[in-house]
Protein backbone atom coordinates (compact mmCIF):
# COMPACT_ATOMS: atom_id res chain seq x y z
CA UNK A 1 28.86 18.39 -7.80
CA UNK A 2 25.22 19.10 -6.88
CA UNK A 3 22.95 21.88 -8.09
CA UNK A 4 22.35 24.66 -5.59
CA UNK A 5 18.56 24.19 -5.78
CA UNK A 6 18.92 20.64 -4.47
CA UNK A 7 19.87 22.04 -1.05
CA UNK A 8 16.50 23.75 -0.72
CA UNK A 9 14.35 20.66 -1.34
CA UNK A 10 12.28 19.31 1.54
CA UNK A 11 11.04 15.87 0.43
CA UNK A 12 7.68 14.39 1.29
CA UNK A 13 7.74 11.80 4.07
CA UNK A 14 5.31 8.91 3.46
CA UNK A 15 3.93 6.64 6.15
CA UNK A 16 6.61 4.39 7.57
CA UNK A 17 7.05 0.83 6.35
CA UNK A 18 9.29 -0.85 8.96
CA UNK A 19 10.69 -4.31 8.26
CA UNK A 20 11.42 -5.49 11.80
CA UNK A 21 8.17 -7.47 12.09
CA UNK A 22 4.77 -8.01 10.49
CA UNK A 23 2.45 -5.07 11.13
CA UNK A 24 -1.17 -4.31 10.42
CA UNK A 25 -0.75 -1.15 8.31
CA UNK A 26 -3.28 1.51 9.24
CA UNK A 27 -0.98 4.45 8.56
CA UNK A 28 -1.10 5.10 4.80
CA UNK A 29 -4.83 5.31 4.00
CA UNK A 30 -4.62 2.23 1.81
CA UNK A 31 -7.74 0.27 0.93
CA UNK A 32 -8.00 -3.03 2.88
CA UNK A 33 -10.03 -4.69 0.13
CA UNK A 34 -8.80 -6.26 -3.09
CA UNK A 35 -9.30 -4.56 -6.45
CA UNK A 36 -11.77 -6.02 -8.92
CA UNK A 37 -10.99 -9.57 -10.12
CA UNK A 38 -11.56 -8.26 -13.63
CA UNK A 39 -8.11 -6.69 -13.43
CA UNK A 40 -6.40 -10.08 -13.27
CA UNK A 41 -8.21 -11.15 -16.42
CA UNK A 42 -7.26 -7.93 -18.18
CA UNK A 43 -3.57 -8.42 -17.35
CA UNK A 44 -3.68 -11.98 -18.65
CA UNK A 45 -4.97 -10.72 -21.96
CA UNK A 46 -2.12 -8.28 -22.55
CA UNK A 47 -0.05 -9.49 -25.48
CA UNK A 48 3.68 -9.65 -24.81
CA UNK A 49 4.29 -7.94 -28.12
CA UNK A 50 2.43 -4.89 -26.82
CA UNK A 51 4.91 -4.60 -23.95
CA UNK A 52 7.67 -4.10 -26.51
CA UNK A 53 5.85 -1.04 -27.79
CA UNK A 54 5.21 2.31 -26.15
CA UNK A 55 1.78 2.72 -24.54
CA UNK A 56 -0.76 5.26 -25.76
CA UNK A 57 0.79 8.52 -24.52
CA UNK A 58 -2.60 10.18 -24.18
CA UNK A 59 -4.40 7.22 -22.57
CA UNK A 60 -7.39 7.65 -24.89
CA UNK A 61 -9.21 4.42 -24.00
CA UNK A 62 -8.51 4.92 -20.30
CA UNK A 63 -9.88 8.45 -20.35
CA UNK A 64 -13.01 7.20 -22.12
CA UNK A 65 -13.41 4.50 -19.44
CA UNK A 66 -12.97 7.01 -16.61
CA UNK A 67 -15.47 9.41 -18.20
CA UNK A 68 -17.98 6.60 -18.63
CA UNK A 69 -17.63 5.51 -15.00
CA UNK A 70 -18.01 9.07 -13.69
CA UNK A 71 -21.09 9.63 -15.82
CA UNK A 72 -22.55 6.34 -14.60
CA UNK A 73 -22.06 7.08 -10.90
CA UNK A 74 -22.57 10.82 -11.00
CA UNK A 75 -18.97 11.24 -9.91
CA UNK A 76 -19.01 9.45 -6.55
CA UNK A 77 -19.14 5.71 -5.80
CA UNK A 78 -21.60 5.95 -2.91
CA UNK A 79 -23.57 9.16 -3.53
CA UNK A 80 -25.45 10.78 -0.68
CA UNK A 81 -29.19 11.20 -1.14
CA UNK A 82 -28.80 14.94 -1.75
CA UNK A 83 -25.69 14.79 -3.94
CA UNK A 84 -26.31 16.98 -6.97
CA UNK A 85 -26.50 15.19 -10.35
CA UNK A 86 -23.78 15.97 -12.86
CA UNK A 87 -26.17 17.79 -15.17
CA UNK A 88 -23.84 17.28 -18.13
CA UNK A 89 -21.66 14.58 -19.68
CA UNK A 90 -17.98 14.34 -18.80
CA UNK A 91 -16.03 13.79 -22.01
CA UNK A 92 -12.57 12.48 -22.79
CA UNK A 93 -11.15 15.94 -23.41
CA UNK A 94 -12.03 16.88 -19.82
CA UNK A 95 -9.73 14.23 -18.31
CA UNK A 96 -5.99 14.11 -17.79
CA UNK A 97 -4.23 10.95 -16.51
CA UNK A 98 -0.93 10.70 -14.69
CA UNK A 99 1.30 8.39 -12.70
CA UNK A 100 -0.63 8.78 -9.46
CA UNK A 101 -2.34 11.98 -8.37
CA UNK A 102 1.01 13.16 -6.99
CA UNK A 103 2.37 13.45 -10.53
CA UNK A 104 -0.84 15.13 -11.67
CA UNK A 105 -0.46 17.64 -8.82
CA UNK A 106 3.13 18.31 -9.85
CA UNK A 107 1.95 19.25 -13.34
CA UNK A 108 -0.82 21.38 -11.81
CA UNK A 109 1.68 23.37 -9.76
CA UNK A 110 3.88 23.93 -12.81
CA UNK A 111 1.09 24.80 -15.24
CA UNK A 112 -1.12 27.11 -13.18
CA UNK A 113 0.72 28.70 -10.25
CA UNK A 114 3.24 31.53 -10.59
CA UNK A 115 5.68 32.85 -8.02
CA UNK A 116 4.66 36.52 -8.11
CA UNK A 117 1.73 35.96 -5.73
CA UNK A 118 1.14 33.39 -2.99
CA UNK A 119 -0.65 30.11 -3.55
CA UNK A 120 -3.38 29.70 -0.94
CA UNK A 121 -3.94 26.46 0.95
CA UNK A 122 -5.17 25.52 4.44
CA UNK A 123 -2.61 25.22 7.21
CA UNK A 124 -3.30 21.50 7.31
CA UNK A 125 -3.98 19.74 4.05
CA UNK A 126 -2.13 17.25 1.88
CA UNK A 127 1.51 17.48 2.91
CA UNK A 128 2.78 17.22 -0.67
CA UNK A 129 1.52 20.75 -1.44
CA UNK A 130 4.40 22.50 0.39
CA UNK A 131 6.85 20.03 -1.19
CA UNK A 132 5.79 21.00 -4.71
CA UNK A 133 5.61 24.67 -3.79
CA UNK A 134 9.23 24.49 -2.67
CA UNK A 135 10.22 22.47 -5.74
CA UNK A 136 8.82 25.07 -8.13
CA UNK A 137 9.70 28.14 -6.07
CA UNK A 138 6.09 29.04 -5.31
CA UNK A 139 5.18 30.93 -2.15
CA UNK A 140 2.63 28.73 -0.39
CA UNK A 141 0.53 30.70 2.07
CA UNK A 142 -1.05 28.38 4.64
CA UNK A 143 -4.21 29.78 6.19
CA UNK A 144 -4.85 28.56 9.78
CA UNK A 145 -7.91 26.40 10.31
CA UNK A 146 -10.80 27.50 12.48
CA UNK A 147 -10.82 26.31 16.09
CA UNK A 148 -13.09 23.40 15.12
CA UNK A 149 -10.60 22.30 12.38
CA UNK A 150 -12.82 23.50 9.53
CA UNK A 151 -11.34 25.58 6.71
CA UNK A 152 -11.39 29.34 7.20
CA UNK A 153 -12.83 30.00 3.75
CA UNK A 154 -13.36 33.72 4.36
CA UNK A 155 -9.69 34.24 5.18
CA UNK A 156 -8.63 32.12 2.20
CA UNK A 157 -10.66 34.32 -0.14
CA UNK A 158 -9.25 37.62 1.13
CA UNK A 159 -5.75 36.90 -0.20
CA UNK A 160 -4.60 38.16 -3.60
CA UNK A 161 -3.24 34.85 -4.82
CA UNK A 162 -1.87 33.01 -7.83
CA UNK A 163 -4.27 30.14 -7.17
CA UNK A 164 -6.12 28.08 -4.59
CA UNK A 165 -5.69 24.41 -3.65
CA UNK A 166 -7.09 22.23 -0.88
CA UNK A 167 -8.19 18.67 -0.29
CA UNK A 168 -11.89 18.00 0.20
CA UNK A 169 -12.43 16.00 2.31
CA UNK A 170 -9.35 17.41 3.94
CA UNK A 171 -6.32 15.51 5.17
CA UNK A 172 -5.40 14.75 7.85
CA UNK A 173 -8.58 16.00 9.53
CA UNK A 174 -11.00 13.95 7.40
CA UNK A 175 -13.51 16.82 7.48
CA UNK A 176 -15.24 18.20 4.41
CA UNK A 177 -16.80 21.36 3.07
CA UNK A 178 -20.20 20.94 1.45
CA UNK A 179 -20.60 21.38 -2.29
CA UNK A 180 -22.58 24.56 -1.60
CA UNK A 181 -19.75 25.96 0.54
CA UNK A 182 -17.24 25.32 -2.23
CA UNK A 183 -19.52 26.89 -4.82
CA UNK A 184 -19.79 29.98 -2.62
CA UNK A 185 -15.98 30.17 -2.70
CA UNK A 186 -15.93 29.78 -6.48
CA UNK A 187 -18.47 32.57 -6.91
CA UNK A 188 -16.21 34.91 -4.96
CA UNK A 189 -12.93 33.74 -6.51
CA UNK A 190 -11.37 35.39 -9.60
CA UNK A 191 -12.39 33.53 -12.74
CA UNK A 192 -8.94 33.93 -14.32
CA UNK A 193 -7.21 31.89 -11.58
CA UNK A 194 -7.33 28.14 -11.20
CA UNK A 195 -9.21 26.78 -8.20
CA UNK A 196 -8.08 23.22 -7.39
CA UNK A 197 -10.11 20.81 -5.28
CA UNK A 198 -8.24 17.60 -4.48
CA UNK A 199 -10.89 14.89 -4.11
CA UNK A 200 -8.64 11.95 -3.25
CA UNK A 201 -11.10 10.77 -0.58
CA UNK A 202 -14.40 11.98 -2.00
CA UNK A 203 -15.84 8.51 -2.68
CA UNK A 204 -16.04 8.01 1.09
CA UNK A 205 -17.91 11.30 1.59
CA UNK A 206 -20.97 10.88 -0.60
CA UNK A 207 -20.31 14.20 -2.36
CA UNK A 208 -18.29 15.60 -5.25
CA UNK A 209 -17.88 19.06 -6.78
CA UNK A 210 -17.82 17.63 -10.32
CA UNK A 211 -21.31 19.07 -11.08
CA UNK A 212 -19.81 22.55 -10.58
CA UNK A 213 -17.59 22.07 -13.64
CA UNK A 214 -20.59 22.97 -15.79
CA UNK A 215 -20.54 26.53 -14.41
CA UNK A 216 -16.91 27.19 -13.44
CA UNK A 217 -14.23 26.78 -16.08
CA UNK A 218 -11.47 27.66 -13.61
CA UNK A 219 -12.32 24.67 -11.38
CA UNK A 220 -9.98 21.70 -11.58
CA UNK A 221 -10.76 18.48 -9.69
CA UNK A 222 -8.02 16.00 -8.79
CA UNK A 223 -8.89 12.34 -8.25
CA UNK A 224 -6.96 9.14 -7.57
CA UNK A 225 -7.45 5.40 -7.99
CA UNK A 226 -5.29 4.73 -4.90
CA UNK A 227 -7.94 5.02 -2.20
CA UNK A 228 -11.43 3.89 -3.15
CA UNK A 229 -10.23 1.86 -6.16
CA UNK A 230 -7.56 -0.19 -4.29
CA UNK A 231 -4.90 0.95 -6.75
CA UNK A 232 -2.12 2.33 -4.53
CA UNK A 233 0.41 -0.15 -5.87
CA UNK A 234 -0.37 0.58 -9.52
CA UNK A 235 -0.25 4.43 -9.44
CA UNK A 236 -2.96 6.25 -11.34
CA UNK A 237 -4.39 9.70 -10.76
CA UNK A 238 -6.42 11.99 -12.96
CA UNK A 239 -7.73 15.52 -13.24
CA UNK A 240 -11.15 16.60 -14.45
CA UNK A 241 -11.75 20.09 -15.76
CA UNK A 242 -12.44 22.33 -18.72
CA UNK A 243 -10.66 21.20 -21.93
CA UNK A 244 -8.41 24.29 -21.84
CA UNK A 245 -7.07 23.30 -18.39
CA UNK A 246 -6.57 19.71 -19.51
CA UNK A 247 -4.67 20.87 -22.57
CA UNK A 248 -2.37 22.94 -20.36
CA UNK A 249 -1.63 19.86 -18.24
CA UNK A 250 -1.00 17.82 -21.39
CA UNK A 251 1.48 20.39 -22.64
CA UNK A 252 3.25 20.28 -19.29
CA UNK A 253 3.29 16.48 -19.27
CA UNK A 254 4.63 16.28 -22.82
CA UNK A 255 7.46 18.61 -21.80
CA UNK A 256 8.43 16.28 -18.97
CA UNK A 257 7.42 12.66 -19.67
CA UNK A 258 5.43 11.73 -22.76
CA UNK A 259 4.44 8.28 -21.38
CA UNK A 260 3.32 8.58 -17.74
CA UNK A 261 0.81 5.70 -17.61
CA UNK A 262 2.14 2.32 -18.74
CA UNK A 263 0.34 -0.49 -20.56
CA UNK A 264 -0.33 -2.52 -17.40
CA UNK A 265 -1.78 0.51 -15.64
CA UNK A 266 -4.04 1.48 -18.52
CA UNK A 267 -5.38 -2.05 -19.02
CA UNK A 268 -5.95 -2.54 -15.28
CA UNK A 269 -7.71 0.78 -14.82
CA UNK A 270 -9.99 0.22 -17.81
CA UNK A 271 -10.99 -3.12 -16.28
CA UNK A 272 -11.56 -1.45 -12.90
CA UNK A 273 -13.84 1.15 -14.49
CA UNK A 274 -15.98 -1.68 -15.89
CA UNK A 275 -16.65 -3.04 -12.39
CA UNK A 276 -17.85 0.03 -10.51
CA UNK A 277 -20.30 -2.07 -8.46
CA UNK A 278 -17.35 -3.92 -6.88
CA UNK A 279 -15.78 -0.70 -5.67
CA UNK A 280 -19.05 0.82 -4.57
CA UNK A 281 -19.63 -2.16 -2.29
CA UNK A 282 -16.12 -1.90 -0.85
CA UNK A 283 -16.69 1.80 -0.19
CA UNK A 284 -19.90 1.04 1.67
CA UNK A 285 -18.02 -1.45 3.85
CA UNK A 286 -15.35 1.12 4.72
CA UNK A 287 -17.90 3.84 5.47
CA UNK A 288 -19.86 1.49 7.73
CA UNK A 289 -16.69 0.38 9.53
CA UNK A 290 -15.47 3.98 9.88
CA UNK A 291 -18.70 5.12 11.49
CA UNK A 292 -18.86 2.15 13.85
CA UNK A 293 -15.20 2.53 14.83
CA UNK A 294 -15.64 6.27 15.42
CA UNK A 295 -18.63 5.65 17.68
CA UNK A 296 -16.75 3.00 19.63
CA UNK A 297 -13.86 5.41 20.21
CA UNK A 298 -16.17 8.20 21.34
CA UNK A 299 -17.91 5.78 23.70
CA UNK A 300 -14.48 4.95 25.12
CA UNK A 301 -13.74 8.60 25.88
CA UNK A 302 -11.71 9.52 22.80
CA UNK A 303 -12.03 12.64 20.66
CA UNK A 304 -12.79 11.88 17.02
CA UNK A 305 -13.05 14.49 14.29
CA UNK A 306 -16.09 13.87 12.04
CA UNK A 307 -14.55 12.04 9.09
CA UNK A 308 -15.74 11.81 5.49
CA UNK A 309 -12.71 9.77 4.44
CA UNK A 310 -11.24 6.30 4.94
CA UNK A 311 -9.38 7.47 8.05
CA UNK A 312 -10.06 9.23 11.34
CA UNK A 313 -8.01 11.77 13.29
CA UNK A 314 -8.31 11.02 17.01
CA UNK A 315 -6.94 12.07 20.37
CA UNK A 316 -7.33 11.31 24.07
CA UNK A 317 -7.29 14.13 26.62
CA UNK A 318 -4.07 14.19 28.60
CA UNK A 319 -2.33 11.73 26.31
CA UNK A 320 0.41 12.86 23.84
CA UNK A 321 -0.12 11.66 20.29
CA UNK A 322 3.37 10.19 20.12
CA UNK A 323 2.71 8.06 23.19
CA UNK A 324 -0.51 6.74 21.63
CA UNK A 325 1.29 5.96 18.38
CA UNK A 326 4.12 4.15 20.15
CA UNK A 327 1.78 2.13 22.37
CA UNK A 328 -0.21 0.95 19.34
CA UNK A 329 2.93 0.21 17.33
CA UNK A 330 4.31 -1.91 20.16
CA UNK A 331 1.25 -4.14 19.73
CA UNK A 332 1.88 -4.63 16.00
CA UNK A 333 -0.31 -1.96 14.39
CA UNK A 334 0.94 1.12 12.56
CA UNK A 335 -0.97 4.41 12.73
CA UNK A 336 0.25 7.85 11.63
CA UNK A 337 1.67 10.43 14.02
CA UNK A 338 2.42 13.99 12.90
CA UNK A 339 4.98 15.88 14.98
CA UNK A 340 3.34 19.19 14.08
CA UNK A 341 1.87 21.95 16.25
CA UNK A 342 -1.93 21.88 16.71
CA UNK A 343 -2.28 18.21 15.71
CA UNK A 344 0.63 16.87 17.78
CA UNK A 345 -1.74 15.22 20.25
CA UNK A 346 -3.60 13.37 17.50
CA UNK A 347 -2.97 10.19 15.55
CA UNK A 348 -4.46 9.38 12.17
CA UNK A 349 -5.93 5.92 11.79
CA UNK A 350 -6.73 4.34 8.43
CA UNK A 351 -9.93 2.31 8.32
CA UNK A 352 -9.18 -1.35 7.70
CA UNK A 353 -11.38 -4.41 7.84
CA UNK A 354 -13.81 -4.96 10.72
CA UNK A 355 -11.41 -7.53 12.17
CA UNK A 356 -8.45 -5.14 12.03
CA UNK A 357 -10.40 -2.32 13.65
CA UNK A 358 -11.69 -4.58 16.41
CA UNK A 359 -8.13 -5.64 17.18
CA UNK A 360 -7.10 -1.99 17.31
CA UNK A 361 -9.99 -1.15 19.60
CA UNK A 362 -8.86 -3.85 22.02
CA UNK A 363 -5.42 -2.26 22.11
CA UNK A 364 -6.74 1.30 22.47
CA UNK A 365 -8.93 0.34 25.40
CA UNK A 366 -5.82 -0.81 27.30
CA UNK A 367 -3.92 2.46 26.78
């Protein structure tokens, strides 16, 4: 009854969403702040007749809006003082939109990675990478992290691969390579193979590799509206790269689903792009809360990896990660526990509002 290949699938496991009680959700890296109020106005203005028609399959106006917002900000909502300027203008033909960055990543795996050589990724990075590798029959070679949880870039570059992919800042560590470190990798990497940097959390880091697109046509940058743009419930991701890479993704998309972003999504995202100041302010709040929460944990004797995201990976000496997770859950707050070697004694905590993090701190101090 079922295809043989179905037996080999290993689905992605998202953060739990139990229904037994009301929880404060700090386990899925969602944004605690509301999206721009301009979105509500945009949805009100959608004509019902338009919902009876197919949306723009190529999301032209949305891609223009995204390009405009990236050019305005330099590619990051809260840029660090030494973030490099773009140095060029991002255009519509450099952007591909999909139903969440997960769908965009699926098309990336199909379009650019073959099965004759391994695809290189860090041992710990976004946990959907091995899912897609298995789905498309690609050999994913996970390179162990350094002892300090940084990426072993030298080892990653020594492998004869079909491509390279990693999240920066990384997940679930929250740590980031500098733009200069990534450029050093690009200089050493074959120019005929696609080098993918997944920047889902980059707005919380102050840095982006988008300026490198001017020099490296094999660089593809993946972004999402789910984190810094409070869009997790709407589903919108996009890729930025050379027009030839974007065309390859478009061909892949049109061979799978010609209409990935619906009318509501496109209208909402265009409105969001017109209110960048709203999201920049929310990002600043999260960064400030993250840094204060991290310091409070360290002052309480916890180990906290230096995060450039909207979450932190933490541990307490002598305390199993599962026990920490269960103790916090018992008090009505969800955090993420990974039953995986090396990070088994850690839990990942999403940064919420100041009030939510203070409540969590009160619980943690009793553990």
